[in-house]
N, C-alpha and C. Protein backbone atom coordinates (compact mmCIF):
# COMPACT_ATOMS: atom_id res chain seq x y z
N MET A 1 203.47 211.01 94.55
CA MET A 1 203.50 211.83 93.58
C MET A 1 203.77 213.10 94.26
N SER A 2 204.87 213.35 93.67
CA SER A 2 205.74 214.79 93.84
C SER A 2 204.98 215.89 93.24
N LYS A 3 204.29 215.99 92.01
CA LYS A 3 203.64 216.89 91.57
C LYS A 3 202.31 217.02 91.41
N PRO A 4 201.38 217.77 91.62
CA PRO A 4 199.99 218.01 91.46
C PRO A 4 199.97 217.81 90.10
N ILE A 5 198.57 217.19 89.90
CA ILE A 5 198.32 217.47 88.17
C ILE A 5 197.49 218.52 87.84
N THR A 6 197.48 219.10 87.12
CA THR A 6 197.07 220.32 86.31
C THR A 6 195.60 219.90 85.32
N LEU A 7 194.55 220.19 85.57
CA LEU A 7 193.51 220.14 84.96
C LEU A 7 193.04 221.51 84.11
N PHE A 8 192.86 221.34 82.94
CA PHE A 8 192.58 222.63 82.22
C PHE A 8 191.25 222.56 81.82
N GLY A 9 190.05 223.36 82.17
CA GLY A 9 188.74 223.71 82.01
C GLY A 9 188.48 224.69 82.30
N PHE A 10 187.00 224.88 82.47
CA PHE A 10 186.18 225.82 83.20
C PHE A 10 185.46 225.26 84.20
N ALA A 11 185.43 225.58 85.25
CA ALA A 11 184.68 225.07 86.57
C ALA A 11 183.33 224.79 86.38
N PRO A 12 182.58 225.33 85.59
CA PRO A 12 181.09 225.19 85.29
C PRO A 12 180.83 223.85 84.35
N SER A 13 181.82 223.50 83.57
CA SER A 13 181.80 222.36 82.70
C SER A 13 181.38 221.00 83.46
N THR A 14 180.42 220.29 82.95
CA THR A 14 180.15 219.22 83.78
C THR A 14 181.15 218.12 83.60
N TYR A 15 181.69 218.11 82.60
CA TYR A 15 183.07 217.09 82.18
C TYR A 15 184.36 217.56 83.15
N THR A 16 184.42 218.81 83.33
CA THR A 16 185.79 219.37 84.08
C THR A 16 185.36 219.04 85.73
N ARG A 17 183.83 219.14 86.21
CA ARG A 17 183.76 218.72 87.54
C ARG A 17 183.69 217.62 88.03
N SER A 18 183.51 216.70 86.75
CA SER A 18 183.73 215.20 86.74
C SER A 18 185.20 214.91 87.16
N ALA A 19 186.05 215.64 86.29
CA ALA A 19 187.48 215.14 86.74
C ALA A 19 187.81 215.78 88.10
N ARG A 20 187.47 217.02 88.17
CA ARG A 20 187.99 217.40 89.65
C ARG A 20 187.27 217.02 90.89
N MET A 21 186.20 216.16 90.66
CA MET A 21 185.64 215.13 91.73
C MET A 21 186.17 214.07 91.96
N ALA A 22 186.57 213.31 91.05
CA ALA A 22 187.47 212.25 90.81
C ALA A 22 188.90 212.40 91.65
N CYS A 23 189.55 213.75 91.10
CA CYS A 23 190.73 213.82 91.94
C CYS A 23 190.66 214.21 93.37
N ILE A 24 189.37 214.75 93.78
CA ILE A 24 189.02 214.91 95.35
C ILE A 24 188.86 213.27 95.70
N GLU A 25 187.97 212.76 95.09
CA GLU A 25 187.68 211.57 95.74
C GLU A 25 188.72 210.57 96.04
N ALA A 26 189.34 210.53 94.89
CA ALA A 26 190.63 209.76 95.03
C ALA A 26 191.88 210.28 95.84
N GLY A 27 191.69 211.52 96.46
CA GLY A 27 193.00 211.88 97.32
C GLY A 27 194.09 212.41 96.47
N VAL A 28 193.87 212.86 95.16
CA VAL A 28 195.09 213.00 94.43
C VAL A 28 195.18 214.84 94.08
N ALA A 29 196.47 215.38 94.37
CA ALA A 29 196.47 216.93 94.53
C ALA A 29 196.21 217.31 93.10
N HIS A 30 195.75 218.35 93.00
CA HIS A 30 195.35 219.05 91.54
C HIS A 30 195.19 220.48 91.66
N GLN A 31 195.42 220.74 90.72
CA GLN A 31 195.04 222.26 90.50
C GLN A 31 194.20 222.64 89.13
N LEU A 32 193.42 223.52 89.21
CA LEU A 32 192.43 223.77 87.83
C LEU A 32 193.20 224.76 87.38
N ALA A 33 193.18 224.75 86.12
CA ALA A 33 193.94 225.92 85.35
C ALA A 33 193.17 226.47 84.15
N PRO A 34 192.81 228.09 83.60
CA PRO A 34 192.07 228.32 82.94
C PRO A 34 192.64 227.55 81.61
N LEU A 35 191.80 228.08 80.64
CA LEU A 35 192.46 227.41 79.25
C LEU A 35 191.74 228.83 78.04
N GLU A 36 192.72 229.01 77.17
CA GLU A 36 192.06 230.17 75.95
C GLU A 36 191.42 228.98 74.99
N PHE A 37 190.00 229.01 75.27
CA PHE A 37 188.91 228.08 74.70
C PHE A 37 189.25 228.14 73.35
N LYS A 38 189.66 227.02 72.56
CA LYS A 38 189.84 226.85 71.10
C LYS A 38 190.45 227.70 70.45
N GLN A 39 191.62 228.14 71.10
CA GLN A 39 193.01 228.58 70.42
C GLN A 39 193.90 227.70 70.61
N PRO A 40 194.96 228.27 69.73
CA PRO A 40 196.24 226.97 69.73
C PRO A 40 196.66 226.29 71.10
N SER A 41 196.76 227.36 72.20
CA SER A 41 197.35 226.56 73.57
C SER A 41 196.27 225.37 74.03
N HIS A 42 195.14 225.58 73.72
CA HIS A 42 194.05 224.79 74.00
C HIS A 42 193.92 223.54 73.11
N LEU A 43 194.26 223.65 71.82
CA LEU A 43 193.92 222.66 71.05
C LEU A 43 195.18 221.63 71.04
N ALA A 44 196.24 222.29 71.53
CA ALA A 44 197.83 221.51 71.70
C ALA A 44 197.35 220.39 72.82
N LEU A 45 196.40 220.93 73.94
CA LEU A 45 196.01 219.90 75.08
C LEU A 45 195.00 219.02 74.53
N HIS A 46 193.83 219.45 73.77
CA HIS A 46 192.65 218.77 73.71
C HIS A 46 192.49 219.25 72.05
N PRO A 47 193.00 218.15 71.07
CA PRO A 47 192.97 218.39 69.51
C PRO A 47 191.28 218.43 69.18
N PHE A 48 190.17 218.31 69.91
CA PHE A 48 188.76 218.42 69.60
C PHE A 48 188.19 219.71 70.21
N GLY A 49 188.93 220.66 70.95
CA GLY A 49 188.48 221.86 71.53
C GLY A 49 187.58 221.48 72.88
N LYS A 50 187.66 220.57 73.41
CA LYS A 50 187.03 220.17 74.50
C LYS A 50 187.91 220.49 75.76
N MET A 51 187.00 220.33 76.67
CA MET A 51 187.38 220.15 78.12
C MET A 51 186.99 219.04 78.95
N PRO A 52 187.64 218.91 79.85
CA PRO A 52 189.04 219.28 80.45
C PRO A 52 189.89 218.34 79.70
N ALA A 53 191.49 218.98 79.74
CA ALA A 53 192.71 218.35 79.74
C ALA A 53 193.29 218.18 80.89
N LEU A 54 194.39 217.23 81.09
CA LEU A 54 195.08 216.81 81.98
C LEU A 54 196.54 216.86 81.73
N SER A 55 197.31 217.79 82.59
CA SER A 55 198.61 217.71 82.23
C SER A 55 199.50 217.23 83.53
N HIS A 56 200.49 216.12 83.54
CA HIS A 56 201.04 215.61 84.90
C HIS A 56 202.45 215.26 84.51
N GLY A 57 203.60 216.15 84.61
CA GLY A 57 204.75 216.08 83.99
C GLY A 57 204.59 215.96 82.55
N ASP A 58 205.24 214.67 81.92
CA ASP A 58 205.11 214.46 81.07
C ASP A 58 203.86 213.88 80.15
N VAL A 59 202.88 213.53 80.99
CA VAL A 59 201.55 213.10 80.54
C VAL A 59 200.46 213.96 80.06
N VAL A 60 200.05 213.93 79.05
CA VAL A 60 198.97 214.98 78.70
C VAL A 60 197.91 213.99 77.99
N LEU A 61 196.43 214.43 78.65
CA LEU A 61 195.44 213.41 78.57
C LEU A 61 194.28 214.51 78.17
N TYR A 62 193.46 213.85 77.33
CA TYR A 62 192.03 214.46 77.29
C TYR A 62 190.96 213.37 77.14
N GLU A 63 189.79 213.87 77.38
CA GLU A 63 188.71 213.11 77.54
C GLU A 63 188.36 212.60 78.88
N THR A 64 187.49 212.79 79.45
CA THR A 64 187.41 212.63 80.80
C THR A 64 187.11 211.16 81.52
N LEU A 65 186.87 210.21 80.61
CA LEU A 65 186.95 209.19 81.46
C LEU A 65 188.37 208.65 81.31
N ALA A 66 189.03 208.76 80.23
CA ALA A 66 190.50 208.69 80.36
C ALA A 66 191.35 209.52 81.58
N ILE A 67 190.92 210.75 81.75
CA ILE A 67 191.45 211.53 82.60
C ILE A 67 191.28 210.82 84.09
N CYS A 68 189.93 210.64 84.41
CA CYS A 68 189.41 210.01 85.61
C CYS A 68 190.22 208.45 85.69
N SER A 69 190.39 208.03 85.09
CA SER A 69 191.03 206.44 84.91
C SER A 69 192.34 206.74 85.32
N TYR A 70 193.27 207.92 84.96
CA TYR A 70 194.34 207.92 84.97
C TYR A 70 194.57 208.34 86.56
N VAL A 71 193.87 209.54 87.12
CA VAL A 71 193.49 209.51 88.28
C VAL A 71 193.56 208.56 89.48
N ASP A 72 192.65 207.59 89.08
CA ASP A 72 192.35 206.57 89.86
C ASP A 72 193.59 205.45 89.77
N SER A 73 194.24 205.65 88.86
CA SER A 73 195.53 204.63 88.87
C SER A 73 196.60 205.48 89.71
N LEU A 74 196.45 206.64 89.88
CA LEU A 74 197.41 207.52 90.87
C LEU A 74 197.18 207.05 92.33
N ALA A 75 195.97 207.06 92.85
CA ALA A 75 195.35 206.59 93.94
C ALA A 75 195.16 205.07 94.27
N ALA A 76 194.42 204.63 94.79
CA ALA A 76 194.09 203.42 95.60
C ALA A 76 193.46 202.72 94.53
N GLY A 77 192.93 203.07 93.24
CA GLY A 77 192.43 202.21 92.15
C GLY A 77 191.06 201.86 92.42
N GLU A 78 189.91 202.46 93.33
CA GLU A 78 188.95 201.92 93.91
C GLU A 78 187.85 202.74 92.97
N LEU A 79 187.75 203.53 92.24
CA LEU A 79 186.81 204.38 91.49
C LEU A 79 186.22 203.61 90.36
N LEU A 80 187.12 202.60 89.82
CA LEU A 80 186.62 201.90 88.79
C LEU A 80 185.90 200.47 89.07
N GLY A 81 185.88 200.39 90.59
CA GLY A 81 185.12 199.38 91.14
C GLY A 81 185.89 198.40 91.84
N GLY A 82 187.30 198.57 92.10
CA GLY A 82 188.03 197.42 92.65
C GLY A 82 188.43 196.47 91.89
N ASP A 83 188.63 195.10 92.51
CA ASP A 83 188.79 194.18 91.82
C ASP A 83 187.94 193.62 91.37
N ASP A 84 186.54 193.68 91.31
CA ASP A 84 185.48 192.92 90.81
C ASP A 84 185.27 193.11 89.49
N ALA A 85 185.08 191.81 88.77
CA ALA A 85 185.04 192.54 87.07
C ALA A 85 183.70 192.87 86.93
N LEU A 86 182.73 192.05 87.42
CA LEU A 86 181.26 192.86 87.30
C LEU A 86 180.90 194.46 88.03
N ALA A 87 181.75 194.66 88.94
CA ALA A 87 181.36 196.34 89.58
C ALA A 87 181.86 196.65 88.10
N ARG A 88 183.30 196.45 88.02
CA ARG A 88 184.03 197.48 86.83
C ARG A 88 183.36 197.89 85.74
N ALA A 89 182.71 196.49 85.01
CA ALA A 89 182.07 196.77 84.09
C ALA A 89 180.38 197.34 84.26
N ARG A 90 180.09 197.36 85.50
CA ARG A 90 178.49 198.15 85.78
C ARG A 90 179.24 199.77 85.92
N VAL A 91 180.40 199.88 86.20
CA VAL A 91 180.99 201.29 86.25
C VAL A 91 180.95 202.11 85.01
N LEU A 92 181.71 201.13 84.20
CA LEU A 92 182.26 201.51 82.68
C LEU A 92 180.46 201.66 82.11
N GLY A 93 179.66 200.89 82.34
CA GLY A 93 178.50 200.70 81.86
C GLY A 93 177.74 202.14 82.07
N TRP A 94 177.59 202.52 83.30
CA TRP A 94 176.84 203.85 83.93
C TRP A 94 177.66 205.34 83.17
N CYS A 95 178.84 204.74 83.19
CA CYS A 95 179.71 206.04 82.65
C CYS A 95 179.30 206.04 81.26
N SER A 96 179.01 205.11 80.30
CA SER A 96 178.60 205.15 79.01
C SER A 96 177.22 205.86 78.88
N VAL A 97 176.56 205.71 79.89
CA VAL A 97 174.86 205.98 80.11
C VAL A 97 175.15 207.54 80.13
N ALA A 98 176.41 208.02 81.01
CA ALA A 98 176.20 209.37 81.02
C ALA A 98 176.67 210.28 80.04
N ILE A 99 177.64 209.59 79.21
CA ILE A 99 178.46 210.33 78.18
C ILE A 99 177.32 210.44 77.24
N ASP A 100 176.95 209.09 76.45
CA ASP A 100 176.10 208.61 75.31
C ASP A 100 175.00 209.07 75.67
N TYR A 101 174.06 209.05 76.51
CA TYR A 101 172.65 209.51 76.85
C TYR A 101 172.32 210.45 77.72
N SER A 102 172.93 210.82 78.83
CA SER A 102 172.55 212.00 79.93
C SER A 102 173.22 213.31 79.39
N TYR A 103 174.25 213.15 78.87
CA TYR A 103 174.68 214.58 78.55
C TYR A 103 174.08 215.30 77.56
N PRO A 104 173.69 214.20 76.32
CA PRO A 104 172.78 214.85 75.15
C PRO A 104 171.32 215.12 75.84
N ALA A 105 170.92 214.82 76.59
CA ALA A 105 169.48 214.91 77.10
C ALA A 105 169.53 215.84 77.94
N LEU A 106 170.40 216.09 79.02
CA LEU A 106 170.33 216.90 80.00
C LEU A 106 171.26 218.03 80.18
N VAL A 107 172.12 218.22 79.19
CA VAL A 107 172.81 218.99 79.32
C VAL A 107 173.14 219.97 77.94
N SER A 108 173.16 219.23 76.84
CA SER A 108 173.54 220.08 75.59
C SER A 108 171.96 220.68 75.20
N PRO A 109 171.14 220.29 75.40
CA PRO A 109 169.97 221.24 75.16
C PRO A 109 169.34 222.10 75.67
N LEU A 110 169.88 221.95 77.08
CA LEU A 110 169.60 222.91 78.37
C LEU A 110 170.42 224.07 78.66
N HIS A 111 171.42 224.26 77.49
CA HIS A 111 172.55 225.41 77.60
C HIS A 111 171.75 226.41 77.23
N ASP A 112 170.78 226.88 76.06
CA ASP A 112 170.04 227.56 75.69
C ASP A 112 168.97 227.93 76.78
N GLU A 113 169.00 229.59 76.95
CA GLU A 113 168.32 230.00 78.14
C GLU A 113 166.99 229.86 77.99
N ARG A 114 166.61 230.12 76.61
CA ARG A 114 165.26 230.16 75.97
C ARG A 114 165.04 228.16 75.71
N ILE A 115 164.89 227.39 76.79
CA ILE A 115 164.54 225.92 76.83
C ILE A 115 163.37 225.62 75.95
N ALA A 116 163.30 225.11 75.00
CA ALA A 116 161.87 225.03 74.52
C ALA A 116 161.27 223.74 75.24
N ALA A 117 159.72 223.76 75.36
CA ALA A 117 159.13 222.80 76.15
C ALA A 117 159.65 221.22 75.69
N GLU A 118 159.92 221.06 74.63
CA GLU A 118 160.08 219.50 74.22
C GLU A 118 161.63 219.54 74.70
N ALA A 119 162.55 220.19 74.93
CA ALA A 119 163.79 219.91 75.32
C ALA A 119 163.40 219.38 76.82
N ARG A 120 162.58 220.20 77.74
CA ARG A 120 162.10 219.71 79.05
C ARG A 120 161.33 218.72 79.27
N ALA A 121 160.66 218.30 78.42
CA ALA A 121 159.98 217.25 78.61
C ALA A 121 160.95 215.91 78.28
N ALA A 122 161.74 216.03 77.25
CA ALA A 122 162.75 215.15 76.68
C ALA A 122 164.00 214.80 78.30
N ALA A 123 164.26 215.77 78.67
CA ALA A 123 164.98 215.81 79.74
C ALA A 123 164.14 214.94 81.06
N ARG A 124 162.87 215.49 81.24
CA ARG A 124 162.25 214.79 82.42
C ARG A 124 162.03 213.51 81.88
N ALA A 125 161.73 213.08 81.05
CA ALA A 125 161.63 211.52 80.44
C ALA A 125 162.98 210.73 81.05
N HIS A 126 164.20 211.81 80.58
CA HIS A 126 165.42 210.98 80.74
C HIS A 126 165.55 210.93 82.28
N LEU A 127 165.19 211.63 83.10
CA LEU A 127 165.51 211.52 84.28
C LEU A 127 164.49 210.58 85.05
N GLU A 128 163.36 210.34 84.38
CA GLU A 128 162.47 209.27 84.66
C GLU A 128 163.17 207.77 84.48
N THR A 129 164.02 207.79 83.31
CA THR A 129 164.82 206.45 83.00
C THR A 129 165.98 206.23 84.26
N LEU A 130 166.53 207.50 84.70
CA LEU A 130 167.37 206.95 85.06
C LEU A 130 167.10 206.57 86.71
N ASP A 131 165.82 207.41 86.83
CA ASP A 131 165.48 206.95 88.31
C ASP A 131 164.80 205.64 88.35
N GLY A 132 164.76 204.78 87.21
CA GLY A 132 164.17 203.73 87.20
C GLY A 132 165.35 202.52 87.25
N LEU A 133 166.63 202.92 86.84
CA LEU A 133 167.67 202.45 86.94
C LEU A 133 168.51 202.47 87.90
N VAL A 134 168.57 203.50 88.96
CA VAL A 134 168.78 203.24 90.11
C VAL A 134 168.62 202.81 91.04
N ASP A 135 169.21 201.55 91.53
CA ASP A 135 168.66 200.50 92.71
C ASP A 135 168.89 201.10 93.99
N GLU A 136 168.75 199.89 94.88
CA GLU A 136 168.59 200.52 96.13
C GLU A 136 170.09 200.61 96.78
N ALA A 137 171.32 200.55 96.22
CA ALA A 137 172.45 201.04 96.62
C ALA A 137 172.56 202.28 97.16
N THR A 138 173.39 202.77 97.69
CA THR A 138 173.70 204.10 98.17
C THR A 138 174.34 205.04 96.91
N PHE A 139 175.16 204.31 96.14
CA PHE A 139 175.43 204.85 94.66
C PHE A 139 175.13 203.83 93.44
N LEU A 140 175.72 204.35 92.48
CA LEU A 140 175.06 203.57 91.42
C LEU A 140 175.65 202.22 91.26
N VAL A 141 176.52 201.97 91.96
CA VAL A 141 177.52 200.82 91.72
C VAL A 141 177.94 200.49 93.22
N GLY A 142 176.69 199.90 94.36
CA GLY A 142 177.23 199.61 95.41
C GLY A 142 177.24 200.92 96.35
N GLY A 143 177.81 200.39 97.58
CA GLY A 143 178.09 201.00 98.87
C GLY A 143 179.30 202.29 98.77
N ALA A 144 179.63 202.57 97.98
CA ALA A 144 180.88 203.36 97.42
C ALA A 144 180.90 204.34 96.31
N PRO A 145 181.19 205.50 96.30
CA PRO A 145 181.24 206.31 95.07
C PRO A 145 182.14 205.96 94.23
N THR A 146 181.76 205.80 92.63
CA THR A 146 182.81 205.49 91.91
C THR A 146 182.55 206.35 90.61
N LEU A 147 183.44 205.97 89.48
CA LEU A 147 183.63 207.15 88.54
C LEU A 147 182.10 207.28 88.04
N ALA A 148 181.41 206.35 87.98
CA ALA A 148 180.01 206.30 87.52
C ALA A 148 179.00 207.37 88.17
N ASP A 149 179.36 207.44 89.48
CA ASP A 149 178.60 208.32 90.34
C ASP A 149 179.22 209.86 90.07
N LEU A 150 180.42 209.95 89.99
CA LEU A 150 181.24 211.01 89.40
C LEU A 150 181.27 211.73 87.89
N MET A 151 180.74 210.85 86.98
CA MET A 151 180.48 211.42 85.55
C MET A 151 179.00 211.77 85.78
N LEU A 152 177.97 211.25 85.97
CA LEU A 152 176.60 211.20 86.04
C LEU A 152 176.12 212.72 86.95
N TYR A 153 176.51 212.59 88.18
CA TYR A 153 176.20 213.70 88.95
C TYR A 153 176.11 214.97 88.51
N PRO A 154 177.41 215.64 87.84
CA PRO A 154 177.38 216.99 87.26
C PRO A 154 176.40 217.30 86.17
N MET A 155 175.96 216.17 85.55
CA MET A 155 175.22 216.53 84.25
C MET A 155 173.72 216.64 85.07
N VAL A 156 173.18 215.71 85.98
CA VAL A 156 172.11 215.58 86.63
C VAL A 156 171.94 217.18 87.37
N GLU A 157 172.95 217.67 88.40
CA GLU A 157 172.90 218.64 88.86
C GLU A 157 172.84 219.97 87.53
N PHE A 158 173.41 220.10 86.83
CA PHE A 158 173.26 220.93 85.68
C PHE A 158 171.72 221.00 85.15
N ALA A 159 171.36 220.01 85.09
CA ALA A 159 169.90 219.76 84.78
C ALA A 159 168.77 220.45 85.80
N ALA A 160 169.04 220.14 87.04
CA ALA A 160 168.56 220.55 88.10
C ALA A 160 168.60 222.14 88.37
N GLY A 161 169.37 222.79 87.77
CA GLY A 161 169.73 224.07 88.19
C GLY A 161 169.10 224.52 86.88
N LYS A 162 168.65 223.98 85.38
CA LYS A 162 167.89 224.57 84.52
C LYS A 162 166.54 224.30 84.90
N LEU A 163 166.09 223.30 85.23
CA LEU A 163 164.74 222.67 85.30
C LEU A 163 164.02 223.14 86.64
N GLY A 164 164.74 223.13 87.53
CA GLY A 164 164.18 223.45 88.98
C GLY A 164 163.69 222.03 89.40
N ALA A 165 163.36 222.12 90.89
CA ALA A 165 163.48 220.89 91.80
C ALA A 165 161.98 220.08 91.37
N SER A 166 161.27 220.80 90.71
CA SER A 166 159.83 220.13 90.44
C SER A 166 160.09 218.94 89.28
N ALA A 167 161.30 219.16 88.55
CA ALA A 167 161.72 218.15 87.40
C ALA A 167 161.88 216.78 88.26
N PHE A 168 161.96 216.91 89.46
CA PHE A 168 162.73 215.44 90.23
C PHE A 168 161.45 215.17 90.88
N GLU A 169 160.33 215.71 90.84
CA GLU A 169 159.25 215.23 91.58
C GLU A 169 159.07 213.94 91.28
N GLY A 170 158.76 213.25 92.21
CA GLY A 170 158.05 211.70 91.89
C GLY A 170 159.46 210.61 91.61
N LEU A 171 160.43 211.17 91.76
CA LEU A 171 161.65 210.28 91.34
C LEU A 171 162.35 209.74 92.50
N PRO A 172 161.99 209.30 93.43
CA PRO A 172 162.41 208.97 94.80
C PRO A 172 163.91 208.24 94.60
N SER A 173 164.36 207.22 93.82
CA SER A 173 165.64 206.60 93.76
C SER A 173 166.29 207.86 93.31
N LEU A 174 166.25 208.64 92.37
CA LEU A 174 167.03 209.44 91.78
C LEU A 174 167.46 210.63 92.85
N LEU A 175 166.42 211.08 93.61
CA LEU A 175 166.57 212.02 94.48
C LEU A 175 167.63 211.28 95.98
N ARG A 176 167.33 209.92 96.27
CA ARG A 176 168.34 209.63 97.20
C ARG A 176 169.50 209.46 97.03
N TRP A 177 169.69 209.18 95.67
CA TRP A 177 171.28 209.02 95.10
C TRP A 177 171.95 210.44 95.11
N ARG A 178 171.04 211.51 94.44
CA ARG A 178 171.59 212.56 94.73
C ARG A 178 172.20 213.24 95.77
N ALA A 179 171.33 213.00 96.92
CA ALA A 179 171.57 213.13 98.02
C ALA A 179 172.49 212.59 98.69
N ALA A 180 172.84 211.46 98.27
CA ALA A 180 174.02 210.70 98.70
C ALA A 180 175.43 211.20 97.90
N VAL A 181 175.21 211.53 96.77
CA VAL A 181 176.70 212.15 96.03
C VAL A 181 176.79 213.78 96.69
N ALA A 182 175.78 214.46 96.52
CA ALA A 182 175.90 215.77 97.44
C ALA A 182 176.45 215.85 98.46
N ASP A 183 176.33 214.71 99.36
CA ASP A 183 177.18 214.77 100.72
C ASP A 183 178.48 214.67 100.74
N ARG A 184 179.10 214.12 99.66
CA ARG A 184 180.39 213.88 99.43
C ARG A 184 181.21 215.17 99.64
N PRO A 185 182.36 215.40 100.09
CA PRO A 185 183.08 216.55 99.77
C PRO A 185 183.63 216.99 98.31
N CYS A 186 183.86 215.81 97.60
CA CYS A 186 183.89 216.01 96.06
C CYS A 186 182.87 216.89 95.45
N ALA A 187 181.53 216.61 95.98
CA ALA A 187 180.36 217.32 95.29
C ALA A 187 180.34 218.81 95.72
N ARG A 188 180.80 218.93 97.48
CA ARG A 188 180.70 220.45 97.81
C ARG A 188 181.59 220.93 97.30
N GLN A 189 183.12 220.47 97.23
CA GLN A 189 183.97 221.48 96.83
C GLN A 189 183.99 221.69 95.48
N THR A 190 183.36 221.26 94.46
CA THR A 190 183.13 221.45 93.26
C THR A 190 181.84 222.36 92.66
N ALA A 191 180.70 222.46 93.87
CA ALA A 191 179.79 223.32 93.43
C ALA A 191 179.85 224.40 92.56
N PRO A 192 179.17 224.67 91.81
CA PRO A 192 179.16 226.15 90.82
C PRO A 192 178.68 227.06 91.75
């Protein structure tokens, strides 16, 4: 690959962080570029005014899962789970959990600094559900990180920053998984 990809977004965004983590994990050169939020230049990259967006030569993509899949295809293609159909299905299942359930439970309601008690309780309940789903493998789908880990981790870390360490008390599987991902260069290099 002759030219690095450009990711447009803000570093604190959980989805931008996921895309950056995928680039680092896959060994794909990239640069992070700011965007003029919801301005015409931003909407030209992402018609729904979200982030991140990717530009790579003539390729322009939006939506984090599509971006991460593209990044994976530029590398060894192992972030989607390699050649195993069941592993790929499990990776995509976890990505859906992150997008459809974890973001609405752990990120959206916690943006407000005046977090309501019910939002805290709902976030804790969601963390408990995740703890029950995490198995004994090092990562969500086996012994190596996948897009599943890269999609979910920034959301869990955002919640940790808003709720504090006590929100993770009694959640040993989730804590073990968080520590494994936190130890990866992609997590350290993208930490807020």
